[in-house]
Amino acid sequence: MRAVVQRVDGAKVVVAGETVGEITGEGLCVLVGVTHDDTVETAARLARKLWSVRVLEDERSCSDVDAPLLVISQFTLYGDARKGRRPTWNAAAPGPVAEPLVDEVVAQLRKLGAHVETGRFGADMRVSLTNHGPFTVLLEV
């Protein structure tokens, strides 16, 4: 599993003009990609890492300050554009595999006590955010 994590001062996801997920104030916007060999255990490890990683102001974590997370599925994180001009998506897990694992990340975060908002799997989403820093890290578990 791969995640692009951005420290934000608010973020939201809009689908067809409807806001489907939104966080306000300090938190994390997390884009999650799933590959073929990811499992429920991988999803749980990513959730624990997201909840505890110290990337907020003053080296705090979401668990330290009860900061919200906006989790959005993004298969393009496993795109490969090293050859030619068109990326391939071979390393990205197909929807029937990826969707339950992204849902599992969200479920595990909630089990840890996190307030989590989400995008809509497979939808044409518009994501807007205020990146605080700017601060962006790539996590792989």
C-alpha atoms as a PDB file:
ATOM      1  CA  MET A   1       0.000   0.000   0.000  1.00  0.00           C
ATOM      2  CA  ARG A   2       1.146   3.472  -0.834  1.00  0.00           C
ATOM      3  CA  ALA A   3      -0.150   6.749   0.602  1.00  0.00           C
ATOM      4  CA  VAL A   4       0.528  10.366  -0.219  1.00  0.00           C
ATOM      5  CA  VAL A   5      -0.038  12.260   3.021  1.00  0.00           C
ATOM      6  CA  GLN A   6      -0.516  16.014   3.071  1.00  0.00           C
ATOM      7  CA  ARG A   7      -0.744  18.147   6.198  1.00  0.00           C
ATOM      8  CA  VAL A   8      -3.738  20.402   5.593  1.00  0.00           C
ATOM      9  CA  ASP A   9      -5.766  23.249   7.005  1.00  0.00           C
ATOM     10  CA  GLY A  10      -8.994  21.814   5.630  1.00  0.00           C
ATOM     11  CA  ALA A  11      -9.800  19.621   2.635  1.00  0.00           C
ATOM     12  CA  LYS A  12     -12.862  18.377   0.793  1.00  0.00           C
ATOM     13  CA  VAL A  13     -13.998  16.019  -1.956  1.00  0.00           C
ATOM     14  CA  VAL A  14     -16.821  16.918  -4.322  1.00  0.00           C
ATOM     15  CA  VAL A  15     -18.584  14.450  -6.644  1.00  0.00           C
ATOM     16  CA  ALA A  16     -21.071  15.780  -9.207  1.00  0.00           C
ATOM     17  CA  GLY A  17     -21.446  19.036  -7.282  1.00  0.00           C
ATOM     18  CA  GLU A  18     -22.038  17.292  -3.919  1.00  0.00           C
ATOM     19  CA  THR A  19     -19.509  17.467  -1.079  1.00  0.00           C
ATOM     20  CA  VAL A  20     -19.037  13.839  -0.040  1.00  0.00           C
ATOM     21  CA  GLY A  21     -16.207  14.304   2.467  1.00  0.00           C
ATOM     22  CA  GLU A  22     -14.766  17.327   4.249  1.00  0.00           C
ATOM     23  CA  ILE A  23     -12.440  18.108   7.140  1.00  0.00           C
ATOM     24  CA  THR A  24     -11.806  21.521   8.644  1.00  0.00           C
ATOM     25  CA  GLY A  25      -8.789  22.797  10.519  1.00  0.00           C
ATOM     26  CA  GLU A  26      -5.559  20.909  11.025  1.00  0.00           C
ATOM     27  CA  GLY A  27      -5.569  17.352   9.712  1.00  0.00           C
ATOM     28  CA  LEU A  28      -4.336  15.025   6.998  1.00  0.00           C
ATOM     29  CA  CYS A  29      -5.473  14.495   3.438  1.00  0.00           C
ATOM     30  CA  VAL A  30      -4.438  10.963   2.462  1.00  0.00           C
ATOM     31  CA  LEU A  31      -4.440   9.531  -1.059  1.00  0.00           C
ATOM     32  CA  VAL A  32      -4.297   5.715  -0.850  1.00  0.00           C
ATOM     33  CA  GLY A  33      -3.140   3.348  -3.577  1.00  0.00           C
ATOM     34  CA  VAL A  34      -3.498  -0.438  -3.401  1.00  0.00           C
ATOM     35  CA  THR A  35      -1.373  -3.003  -5.212  1.00  0.00           C
ATOM     36  CA  HIS A  36      -1.978  -6.706  -5.868  1.00  0.00           C
ATOM     37  CA  ASP A  37      -0.317  -8.215  -2.813  1.00  0.00           C
ATOM     38  CA  ASP A  38      -1.861  -5.895  -0.217  1.00  0.00           C
ATOM     39  CA  THR A  39      -3.949  -7.488   2.530  1.00  0.00           C
ATOM     40  CA  VAL A  40      -6.188  -6.582   5.455  1.00  0.00           C
ATOM     41  CA  GLU A  41      -3.047  -6.651   7.614  1.00  0.00           C
ATOM     42  CA  THR A  42      -1.369  -4.157   5.278  1.00  0.00           C
ATOM     43  CA  ALA A  43      -4.400  -1.874   5.597  1.00  0.00           C
ATOM     44  CA  ALA A  44      -4.243  -2.103   9.400  1.00  0.00           C
ATOM     45  CA  ARG A  45      -0.509  -1.233   9.382  1.00  0.00           C
ATOM     46  CA  LEU A  46      -1.174   1.797   7.184  1.00  0.00           C
ATOM     47  CA  ALA A  47      -3.991   2.947   9.462  1.00  0.00           C
ATOM     48  CA  ARG A  48      -1.764   2.702  12.548  1.00  0.00           C
ATOM     49  CA  LYS A  49       0.984   4.615  10.759  1.00  0.00           C
ATOM     50  CA  LEU A  50      -1.400   7.369   9.610  1.00  0.00           C
ATOM     51  CA  TRP A  51      -2.834   7.756  13.119  1.00  0.00           C
ATOM     52  CA  SER A  52       0.596   7.966  14.772  1.00  0.00           C
ATOM     53  CA  VAL A  53       2.947   9.585  12.246  1.00  0.00           C
ATOM     54  CA  ARG A  54       4.252  12.873  13.655  1.00  0.00           C
ATOM     55  CA  VAL A  55       3.772  15.261  10.727  1.00  0.00           C
ATOM     56  CA  LEU A  56       1.413  17.838  12.191  1.00  0.00           C
ATOM     57  CA  GLU A  57       2.509  21.175  13.672  1.00  0.00           C
ATOM     58  CA  ASP A  58       5.149  20.806  16.434  1.00  0.00           C
ATOM     59  CA  GLU A  59       5.815  17.173  15.445  1.00  0.00           C
ATOM     60  CA  ARG A  60       2.463  15.923  16.682  1.00  0.00           C
ATOM     61  CA  SER A  61       0.318  13.124  15.281  1.00  0.00           C
ATOM     62  CA  CYS A  62      -3.406  12.907  14.606  1.00  0.00           C
ATOM     63  CA  SER A  63      -3.701  10.748  17.720  1.00  0.00           C
ATOM     64  CA  ASP A  64      -1.983  13.445  19.815  1.00  0.00           C
ATOM     65  CA  VAL A  65      -4.436  16.206  18.879  1.00  0.00           C
ATOM     66  CA  ASP A  66      -7.476  14.252  17.627  1.00  0.00           C
ATOM     67  CA  ALA A  67      -6.979  15.680  14.132  1.00  0.00           C
ATOM     68  CA  PRO A  68      -9.291  14.457  11.336  1.00  0.00           C
ATOM     69  CA  LEU A  69      -8.246  12.613   8.188  1.00  0.00           C
ATOM     70  CA  LEU A  70      -9.708  12.737   4.691  1.00  0.00           C
ATOM     71  CA  VAL A  71      -8.941   9.383   2.998  1.00  0.00           C
ATOM     72  CA  ILE A  72      -9.285   9.138  -0.779  1.00  0.00           C
ATOM     73  CA  SER A  73      -8.637   6.098  -2.962  1.00  0.00           C
ATOM     74  CA  GLN A  74      -6.200   6.808  -5.800  1.00  0.00           C
ATOM     75  CA  PHE A  75      -5.142   3.951  -8.074  1.00  0.00           C
ATOM     76  CA  THR A  76      -2.863   6.296 -10.037  1.00  0.00           C
ATOM     77  CA  LEU A  77      -0.308   6.113  -7.197  1.00  0.00           C
ATOM     78  CA  TYR A  78       0.741   2.828  -8.785  1.00  0.00           C
ATOM     79  CA  GLY A  79       1.047   4.285 -12.271  1.00  0.00           C
ATOM     80  CA  ASP A  80       4.337   3.705 -14.072  1.00  0.00           C
ATOM     81  CA  ALA A  81       5.461   6.248 -16.681  1.00  0.00           C
ATOM     82  CA  ARG A  82       9.121   5.260 -16.972  1.00  0.00           C
ATOM     83  CA  LYS A  83       8.681   4.014 -20.540  1.00  0.00           C
ATOM     84  CA  GLY A  84       6.934   5.841 -23.331  1.00  0.00           C
ATOM     85  CA  ARG A  85       4.493   8.704 -22.846  1.00  0.00           C
ATOM     86  CA  ARG A  86       1.507   6.848 -21.442  1.00  0.00           C
ATOM     87  CA  PRO A  87       1.496   5.465 -17.882  1.00  0.00           C
ATOM     88  CA  THR A  88       0.614   1.845 -17.256  1.00  0.00           C
ATOM     89  CA  TRP A  89      -1.535   0.821 -14.305  1.00  0.00           C
ATOM     90  CA  ASN A  90      -0.441  -2.822 -14.067  1.00  0.00           C
ATOM     91  CA  ALA A  91       0.744  -2.489 -10.459  1.00  0.00           C
ATOM     92  CA  ALA A  92      -2.597  -1.054  -9.267  1.00  0.00           C
ATOM     93  CA  ALA A  93      -5.024  -3.567  -7.811  1.00  0.00           C
ATOM     94  CA  PRO A  94      -8.393  -3.787  -9.607  1.00  0.00           C
ATOM     95  CA  GLY A  95     -11.430  -2.162  -7.994  1.00  0.00           C
ATOM     96  CA  PRO A  96     -12.904  -5.356  -6.464  1.00  0.00           C
ATOM     97  CA  VAL A  97      -9.588  -5.890  -4.621  1.00  0.00           C
ATOM     98  CA  ALA A  98      -8.746  -2.255  -3.857  1.00  0.00           C
ATOM     99  CA  GLU A  99     -12.081  -0.930  -2.620  1.00  0.00           C
ATOM    100  CA  PRO A 100     -12.444  -3.267   0.383  1.00  0.00           C
ATOM    101  CA  LEU A 101      -8.831  -2.577   1.398  1.00  0.00           C
ATOM    102  CA  VAL A 102      -9.286   1.201   1.291  1.00  0.00           C
ATOM    103  CA  ASP A 103     -12.475   0.673   3.317  1.00  0.00           C
ATOM    104  CA  GLU A 104     -10.416  -1.379   5.771  1.00  0.00           C
ATOM    105  CA  VAL A 105      -7.913   1.478   6.232  1.00  0.00           C
ATOM    106  CA  VAL A 106     -10.846   3.759   7.081  1.00  0.00           C
ATOM    107  CA  ALA A 107     -12.409   1.179   9.422  1.00  0.00           C
ATOM    108  CA  GLN A 108      -9.117   0.615  11.241  1.00  0.00           C
ATOM    109  CA  LEU A 109      -8.573   4.375  11.648  1.00  0.00           C
ATOM    110  CA  ARG A 110     -12.053   4.712  13.123  1.00  0.00           C
ATOM    111  CA  LYS A 111     -11.376   1.770  15.428  1.00  0.00           C
ATOM    112  CA  LEU A 112      -8.318   3.675  16.686  1.00  0.00           C
ATOM    113  CA  GLY A 113     -10.562   6.658  17.460  1.00  0.00           C
ATOM    114  CA  ALA A 114      -9.977   8.817  14.388  1.00  0.00           C
ATOM    115  CA  HIS A 115     -12.555  11.071  12.764  1.00  0.00           C
ATOM    116  CA  VAL A 116     -12.338  10.036   9.089  1.00  0.00           C
ATOM    117  CA  GLU A 117     -14.049  11.475   6.035  1.00  0.00           C
ATOM    118  CA  THR A 118     -13.756   9.809   2.629  1.00  0.00           C
ATOM    119  CA  GLY A 119     -14.064  10.293  -1.071  1.00  0.00           C
ATOM    120  CA  ARG A 120     -16.228   8.009  -3.201  1.00  0.00           C
ATOM    121  CA  PHE A 121     -14.465   4.994  -4.677  1.00  0.00           C
ATOM    122  CA  GLY A 122     -14.273   5.040  -8.474  1.00  0.00           C
ATOM    123  CA  ALA A 123     -16.009   8.411  -8.820  1.00  0.00           C
ATOM    124  CA  ASP A 124     -14.794  11.432 -10.774  1.00  0.00           C
ATOM    125  CA  MET A 125     -13.788  13.472  -7.719  1.00  0.00           C
ATOM    126  CA  ARG A 126     -12.695  17.055  -7.257  1.00  0.00           C
ATOM    127  CA  VAL A 127     -10.313  17.341  -4.306  1.00  0.00           C
ATOM    128  CA  SER A 128      -9.477  20.724  -2.846  1.00  0.00           C
ATOM    129  CA  LEU A 129      -7.237  21.423   0.101  1.00  0.00           C
ATOM    130  CA  THR A 130      -4.998  23.935   1.755  1.00  0.00           C
ATOM    131  CA  ASN A 131      -1.619  22.253   2.135  1.00  0.00           C
ATOM    132  CA  HIS A 132      -0.054  23.542   5.359  1.00  0.00           C
ATOM    133  CA  GLY A 133       3.686  23.918   4.978  1.00  0.00           C
ATOM    134  CA  PRO A 134       3.630  22.802   2.236  1.00  0.00           C
ATOM    135  CA  PHE A 135       4.108  19.408   3.775  1.00  0.00           C
ATOM    136  CA  THR A 136       3.706  16.165   1.816  1.00  0.00           C
ATOM    137  CA  VAL A 137       5.189  12.716   2.503  1.00  0.00           C
ATOM    138  CA  LEU A 138       4.960   9.336   0.814  1.00  0.00           C
ATOM    139  CA  LEU A 139       4.283   6.313   3.043  1.00  0.00           C
ATOM    140  CA  GLU A 140       4.644   2.713   1.947  1.00  0.00           C
ATOM    141  CA  VAL A 141       3.737  -0.261   4.090  1.00  0.00           C
END
